[in-house]
Amino acid sequence: MPQKKRLTLKDLARRLDVHSSTVSRVMNAATRHLISEEVVQRVLKAAAELGFRPNRMASSLRTRRSHAIGVVLPDITNPVFPPILLGIEKVLSDAGYVALVANAGPDRAQHVVDQMLAHQVDGVVLATVTRRDPVLAYCLDAGIAVATVLRSEAPAPGVICDDRLGMRLTVDHLFALGHRHIAHIAGPLSISTGRLRKQGFVAAMKVHGLKALLVQADAHTRESGRQACAEILKRFPQVTAIAAGNDLIALGCYDALREAGRRCPEDVSVVGHNDMPLTDMLAPPLTTIRIPHHEMGEQTARLLLEYIRGEQREHVRVVLKPELVVRGSTAPPRQTSG
């Protein structure tokens, strides 16, 4: 059976009695606004009825743009990343781009980037958060446009949240409640957020004249949080509050406190970081630092598109502000110590 001939852009333009450039602009979300709404609707309706799909390969050969952006995530199971990805995809879609998303740990990230480059992506968003990530240097050496998210140290455009301020908000809140023995479970220092939040905690404790009680978690996971919290209870029995490196670590604190026969917040208050989904459904609901993850994704995509278009030449760094969300996991300590 002979294969049905593919409907071309010129074919569609001929049927609608409009110029082919008009159809081309309508089919590109980035230029659609240049055409009147009546013509846009007529072209889109006809395209849907006739099964017309733009030939992206031909377009990329002509414009040297694929209108595809690679997005490399380190762990899609981490609740932090889906809202970031949604923000990235929204901005890219509005601009006529598509996101090619890959989940890749440190051992696979370079291979994944190679695959994306083979598909001629116009740029890459790296959410790989290790401080000394060779994949970033690899992308820059390859001459591809790059933007980073959740990474403070990068010679590329990027978006971060003010992690030091987040920890300052945490400590200020606990201090105001009367806590004086406050411990911090830090995330891995090889990751930007782990290092910056630890720095923010230490600085905030110093402002209040308090000794910083510190324990290092092996990872930003619930199990690592449980183990680190058990260590805190053993090393610092006087502790009345814990500032966790993220919400998953805070969940581990809930586990460890329950295993030790301690109650939250009656015996030990707990503060998380990120405000991941369902933290308000925990028992008790988790006090945490809210980070605007969706906005982070949107801002990152905008920075990358501006860089691709040549609208900004310097490495712009956008720093968003966190917000303290007070819930049921924090309360005044039973006895306030000086």
Protein backbone atom coordinates (compact mmCIF):
# COMPACT_ATOMS: atom_id res chain seq x y z
CA MET A 1 0.00 0.00 0.00
CA PRO A 2 1.57 3.32 -1.03
CA GLN A 3 2.45 5.69 1.81
CA LYS A 4 0.24 8.75 2.09
CA LYS A 5 2.03 11.92 1.05
CA ARG A 6 2.84 14.22 3.97
CA LEU A 7 0.98 17.53 3.88
CA THR A 8 3.52 20.35 3.63
CA LEU A 9 3.37 23.88 4.95
CA LYS A 10 3.01 25.16 1.37
CA ASP A 11 0.13 22.75 0.77
CA LEU A 12 -1.70 24.06 3.81
CA ALA A 13 -1.06 27.67 2.82
CA ARG A 14 -2.37 26.98 -0.70
CA ARG A 15 -5.59 25.46 0.66
CA LEU A 16 -6.19 28.43 2.93
CA ASP A 17 -5.16 30.96 0.27
CA VAL A 18 -2.59 32.59 2.55
CA HIS A 19 1.15 33.03 2.24
CA SER A 20 3.31 30.18 3.50
CA SER A 21 5.14 32.58 5.84
CA THR A 22 1.80 33.26 7.54
CA VAL A 23 1.28 29.56 8.21
CA SER A 24 4.87 29.28 9.41
CA ARG A 25 4.38 32.09 11.93
CA VAL A 26 1.09 30.64 13.18
CA MET A 27 2.65 27.21 13.75
CA ASN A 28 5.45 28.77 15.80
CA ALA A 29 4.20 29.83 19.24
CA ALA A 30 6.99 32.40 19.47
CA THR A 31 5.76 34.31 16.37
CA ARG A 32 2.02 33.55 16.46
CA HIS A 33 1.28 36.92 18.07
CA LEU A 34 2.33 38.62 14.82
CA ILE A 35 -0.75 37.24 13.03
CA SER A 36 -4.36 38.31 13.56
CA GLU A 37 -6.41 36.08 15.86
CA GLU A 38 -8.93 35.30 13.09
CA VAL A 39 -6.20 33.98 10.78
CA VAL A 40 -4.51 32.09 13.64
CA GLN A 41 -7.72 30.23 14.46
CA ARG A 42 -8.40 29.46 10.79
CA VAL A 43 -4.90 28.04 10.27
CA LEU A 44 -4.92 26.00 13.47
CA LYS A 45 -8.37 24.57 12.71
CA ALA A 46 -7.33 23.53 9.22
CA ALA A 47 -4.05 22.08 10.46
CA ALA A 48 -5.89 19.94 13.02
CA GLU A 49 -8.48 18.74 10.52
CA LEU A 50 -5.90 17.84 7.86
CA GLY A 51 -3.36 16.35 10.27
CA PHE A 52 -0.66 18.85 9.41
CA ARG A 53 2.51 18.69 11.52
CA PRO A 54 5.40 21.14 10.99
CA ASN A 55 8.60 19.58 9.69
CA ARG A 56 10.91 20.51 12.53
CA MET A 57 13.93 18.94 10.88
CA ALA A 58 13.58 21.11 7.78
CA SER A 59 12.98 24.14 9.96
CA SER A 60 16.08 23.45 12.05
CA LEU A 61 18.20 23.12 8.92
CA ARG A 62 16.92 26.46 7.72
CA THR A 63 17.13 28.37 11.01
CA ARG A 64 19.88 26.35 12.71
CA ARG A 65 17.53 26.02 15.67
CA SER A 66 15.82 22.82 16.82
CA HIS A 67 13.56 24.61 19.33
CA ALA A 68 14.38 21.83 21.78
CA ILE A 69 15.95 22.33 25.20
CA GLY A 70 17.57 19.57 27.22
CA VAL A 71 16.75 19.42 30.93
CA VAL A 72 18.99 17.22 33.11
CA LEU A 73 17.63 16.31 36.54
CA PRO A 74 19.62 14.42 39.20
CA ASP A 75 16.66 12.65 40.83
CA ILE A 76 13.12 12.95 39.49
CA THR A 77 11.79 11.13 42.58
CA ASN A 78 12.82 14.09 44.75
CA PRO A 79 9.64 16.18 45.23
CA VAL A 80 11.64 19.38 44.68
CA PHE A 81 12.14 18.81 40.97
CA PRO A 82 8.64 18.29 39.47
CA PRO A 83 7.49 21.88 40.17
CA ILE A 84 10.79 23.22 38.82
CA LEU A 85 10.29 21.17 35.67
CA LEU A 86 6.70 22.38 35.29
CA GLY A 87 7.92 25.98 35.45
CA ILE A 88 10.61 25.29 32.84
CA GLU A 89 8.16 23.57 30.50
CA LYS A 90 5.58 26.35 30.78
CA VAL A 91 7.98 29.07 29.66
CA LEU A 92 9.51 26.90 26.92
CA SER A 93 6.08 25.91 25.60
CA ASP A 94 4.91 29.54 25.49
CA ALA A 95 8.02 30.35 23.44
CA GLY A 96 7.51 27.47 21.00
CA TYR A 97 10.16 25.18 22.51
CA VAL A 98 9.94 21.62 23.77
CA ALA A 99 11.82 20.19 26.75
CA LEU A 100 13.74 16.93 26.42
CA VAL A 101 13.93 15.73 30.02
CA ALA A 102 16.37 13.16 31.37
CA ASN A 103 16.92 11.78 34.86
CA ALA A 104 20.67 11.30 35.31
CA GLY A 105 22.95 10.89 38.29
CA PRO A 106 26.60 11.99 38.23
CA ASP A 107 27.73 8.80 36.47
CA ARG A 108 25.30 9.25 33.55
CA ALA A 109 24.99 13.01 33.18
CA GLN A 110 27.69 13.44 30.54
CA HIS A 111 26.31 10.58 28.46
CA VAL A 112 22.83 12.12 28.64
CA VAL A 113 24.19 15.52 27.56
CA ASP A 114 25.92 13.83 24.61
CA GLN A 115 22.60 12.32 23.56
CA MET A 116 20.92 15.71 23.81
CA LEU A 117 23.63 17.35 21.73
CA ALA A 118 23.15 14.61 19.14
CA HIS A 119 19.53 15.74 18.93
CA GLN A 120 20.80 19.28 18.33
CA VAL A 121 19.19 20.91 21.35
CA ASP A 122 19.52 24.68 21.40
CA GLY A 123 20.50 24.72 25.06
CA VAL A 124 20.59 22.75 28.29
CA VAL A 125 19.22 23.34 31.79
CA LEU A 126 21.34 21.64 34.43
CA ALA A 127 19.70 20.89 37.76
CA THR A 128 22.72 18.85 38.81
CA VAL A 129 23.53 20.49 42.11
CA THR A 130 27.00 19.22 43.00
CA ARG A 131 29.37 22.14 43.47
CA ARG A 132 32.13 20.77 41.24
CA ASP A 133 30.10 19.21 38.47
CA PRO A 134 32.26 18.34 35.41
CA VAL A 135 29.15 18.20 33.22
CA LEU A 136 28.78 21.99 33.35
CA ALA A 137 32.35 22.47 32.15
CA TYR A 138 31.72 19.85 29.48
CA CYS A 139 28.69 21.78 28.17
CA LEU A 140 30.55 25.09 28.20
CA ASP A 141 33.51 23.54 26.35
CA ALA A 142 31.05 22.21 23.75
CA GLY A 143 29.86 25.79 23.16
CA ILE A 144 26.24 25.09 24.06
CA ALA A 145 24.02 27.56 25.93
CA VAL A 146 23.57 26.49 29.55
CA ALA A 147 21.52 27.67 32.51
CA THR A 148 21.61 26.19 35.99
CA VAL A 149 19.04 25.90 38.76
CA LEU A 150 19.66 25.30 42.48
CA ARG A 151 23.38 25.78 42.03
CA SER A 152 25.20 28.75 43.52
CA GLU A 153 28.64 28.32 41.99
CA ALA A 154 28.45 28.24 38.22
CA PRO A 155 29.97 30.30 35.38
CA ALA A 156 26.60 30.33 33.62
CA PRO A 157 23.19 32.02 33.99
CA GLY A 158 21.25 30.50 36.86
CA VAL A 159 18.52 30.74 39.47
CA ILE A 160 18.87 29.94 43.15
CA CYS A 161 17.01 30.61 46.38
CA ASP A 162 18.63 32.50 49.24
CA ASP A 163 19.48 29.46 51.37
CA ARG A 164 21.35 31.48 53.98
CA LEU A 165 18.27 33.66 54.48
CA GLY A 166 16.12 30.55 54.76
CA MET A 167 18.18 29.31 57.68
CA ARG A 168 18.14 32.77 59.25
CA LEU A 169 14.32 32.68 59.16
CA THR A 170 14.39 29.23 60.76
CA VAL A 171 16.70 30.18 63.61
CA ASP A 172 14.91 33.50 64.23
CA HIS A 173 11.59 31.64 64.51
CA LEU A 174 12.95 29.06 66.95
CA PHE A 175 14.74 31.72 69.00
CA ALA A 176 11.54 33.76 69.25
CA LEU A 177 9.75 30.68 70.61
CA GLY A 178 12.37 30.45 73.36
CA HIS A 179 14.68 27.73 72.02
CA ARG A 180 18.35 28.04 72.93
CA HIS A 181 19.62 24.52 72.18
CA ILE A 182 19.10 24.24 68.42
CA ALA A 183 20.74 21.64 66.21
CA HIS A 184 21.13 21.56 62.45
CA ILE A 185 21.22 18.45 60.28
CA ALA A 186 23.22 19.59 57.27
CA GLY A 187 22.93 18.01 53.85
CA PRO A 188 26.04 16.89 51.94
CA LEU A 189 28.52 19.74 51.64
CA SER A 190 29.34 18.68 48.06
CA ILE A 191 25.92 20.11 47.15
CA SER A 192 25.35 23.86 47.01
CA THR A 193 22.20 23.81 49.14
CA GLY A 194 23.85 21.70 51.85
CA ARG A 195 26.81 24.04 52.17
CA LEU A 196 24.85 27.30 52.03
CA ARG A 197 22.19 26.20 54.52
CA LYS A 198 24.86 25.11 56.96
CA GLN A 199 26.60 28.46 56.59
CA GLY A 200 23.30 30.26 57.11
CA PHE A 201 22.55 28.27 60.26
CA VAL A 202 25.96 28.90 61.81
CA ALA A 203 25.77 32.63 61.03
CA ALA A 204 22.22 32.95 62.43
CA MET A 205 23.15 31.15 65.65
CA LYS A 206 26.13 33.49 66.05
CA VAL A 207 23.86 36.52 65.72
CA HIS A 208 21.82 35.25 68.67
CA GLY A 209 24.91 34.35 70.68
CA LEU A 210 24.13 30.61 70.58
CA LYS A 211 26.36 27.61 70.06
CA ALA A 212 25.68 25.84 66.75
CA LEU A 213 25.02 22.13 67.29
CA LEU A 214 25.82 20.37 64.01
CA VAL A 215 25.44 16.88 62.56
CA GLN A 216 26.11 15.94 58.94
CA ALA A 217 23.66 13.77 56.98
CA ASP A 218 24.98 11.48 54.25
CA ALA A 219 22.21 12.50 51.84
CA HIS A 220 19.04 14.59 51.59
CA THR A 221 16.89 11.52 52.36
CA ARG A 222 14.49 10.39 55.05
CA GLU A 223 16.73 7.54 56.18
CA SER A 224 19.77 9.80 56.43
CA GLY A 225 17.67 12.21 58.45
CA ARG A 226 16.59 9.45 60.82
CA GLN A 227 20.18 8.39 61.42
CA ALA A 228 21.41 11.96 61.89
CA CYS A 229 18.60 12.80 64.30
CA ALA A 230 19.39 9.70 66.38
CA GLU A 231 22.98 10.94 66.55
CA ILE A 232 21.80 14.39 67.70
CA LEU A 233 19.72 12.90 70.51
CA LYS A 234 22.74 10.91 71.65
CA ARG A 235 25.35 13.68 71.38
CA PHE A 236 23.15 16.63 72.41
CA PRO A 237 20.52 15.37 74.86
CA GLN A 238 19.72 18.98 75.77
CA VAL A 239 18.46 19.80 72.25
CA THR A 240 14.95 21.28 72.03
CA ALA A 241 14.76 22.09 68.31
CA ILE A 242 16.17 20.78 65.03
CA ALA A 243 16.62 22.73 61.79
CA ALA A 244 16.65 20.07 59.08
CA GLY A 245 18.55 20.48 55.81
CA ASN A 246 15.40 19.68 53.84
CA ASP A 247 11.90 18.25 54.32
CA LEU A 248 12.96 14.64 53.71
CA ILE A 249 15.55 14.94 56.48
CA ALA A 250 12.80 16.43 58.67
CA LEU A 251 10.65 13.34 57.99
CA GLY A 252 13.57 11.24 59.21
CA CYS A 253 13.62 13.34 62.38
CA TYR A 254 9.98 12.44 62.98
CA ASP A 255 10.95 8.76 62.72
CA ALA A 256 13.93 9.06 65.07
CA LEU A 257 12.00 11.03 67.68
CA ARG A 258 9.20 8.47 67.64
CA GLU A 259 11.70 5.62 68.04
CA ALA A 260 13.30 7.44 70.99
CA GLY A 261 9.95 8.02 72.69
CA ARG A 262 10.18 11.78 72.13
CA ARG A 263 7.29 13.90 70.87
CA CYS A 264 7.24 16.66 68.30
CA PRO A 265 6.84 19.53 69.11
CA GLU A 266 6.31 18.88 72.85
CA ASP A 267 9.86 17.57 73.37
CA VAL A 268 11.66 18.66 70.20
CA SER A 269 10.52 21.14 67.55
CA VAL A 270 11.42 20.40 63.92
CA VAL A 271 11.73 22.76 60.95
CA GLY A 272 12.11 21.52 57.38
CA HIS A 273 13.25 23.24 54.21
CA ASN A 274 11.56 23.31 50.74
CA ASP A 275 7.84 22.94 51.61
CA MET A 276 7.42 19.88 49.44
CA PRO A 277 3.86 18.65 48.71
CA LEU A 278 1.88 17.11 51.59
CA THR A 279 4.09 18.48 54.38
CA ASP A 280 0.93 20.15 55.68
CA MET A 281 -0.66 16.69 55.98
CA LEU A 282 1.95 15.26 58.33
CA ALA A 283 1.30 14.68 62.02
CA PRO A 284 2.18 17.26 63.15
CA PRO A 285 2.10 19.45 60.04
CA LEU A 286 5.67 20.51 59.26
CA THR A 287 6.92 24.03 59.82
CA THR A 288 9.24 24.64 56.89
CA ILE A 289 10.89 27.13 54.57
CA ARG A 290 8.93 27.58 51.36
CA ILE A 291 10.96 27.90 48.19
CA PRO A 292 9.22 29.11 44.99
CA HIS A 293 10.23 26.09 42.91
CA HIS A 294 7.81 26.73 40.05
CA GLU A 295 9.07 30.31 39.73
CA MET A 296 12.65 29.01 39.82
CA GLY A 297 11.88 26.85 36.81
CA GLU A 298 10.24 29.71 34.94
CA GLN A 299 13.09 32.12 35.63
CA THR A 300 15.69 29.54 34.61
CA ALA A 301 13.97 28.92 31.27
CA ARG A 302 13.71 32.66 30.61
CA LEU A 303 17.40 33.17 31.33
CA LEU A 304 18.36 30.39 28.95
CA LEU A 305 16.12 31.67 26.14
CA GLU A 306 17.51 35.19 26.58
CA TYR A 307 21.02 33.78 26.39
CA ILE A 308 20.18 31.80 23.24
CA ARG A 309 18.71 34.89 21.59
CA GLY A 310 21.72 36.98 22.52
CA GLU A 311 19.65 39.29 24.72
CA GLN A 312 22.00 38.95 27.69
CA ARG A 313 25.72 38.32 27.56
CA GLU A 314 26.74 38.27 31.20
CA HIS A 315 26.09 35.36 33.51
CA VAL A 316 22.95 36.63 35.24
CA ARG A 317 22.30 35.20 38.70
CA VAL A 318 18.70 35.41 39.96
CA VAL A 319 18.26 34.95 43.72
CA LEU A 320 14.71 34.33 44.95
CA LYS A 321 13.53 34.87 48.52
CA PRO A 322 12.32 32.01 50.74
CA GLU A 323 9.35 32.22 53.10
CA LEU A 324 8.81 30.73 56.56
CA VAL A 325 5.62 28.65 56.81
CA VAL A 326 4.70 28.04 60.44
CA ARG A 327 2.72 24.88 61.19
CA GLY A 328 2.37 22.45 64.06
CA SER A 329 5.89 21.02 64.35
CA THR A 330 7.28 24.00 66.29
CA ALA A 331 6.29 25.24 69.74
CA PRO A 332 7.97 26.84 72.76
CA PRO A 333 10.26 24.47 74.68
CA ARG A 334 9.08 23.10 78.00
CA GLN A 335 11.81 24.95 79.83
CA THR A 336 13.59 27.94 78.35
CA SER A 337 17.33 27.85 79.02
CA GLY A 338 19.59 30.87 78.90
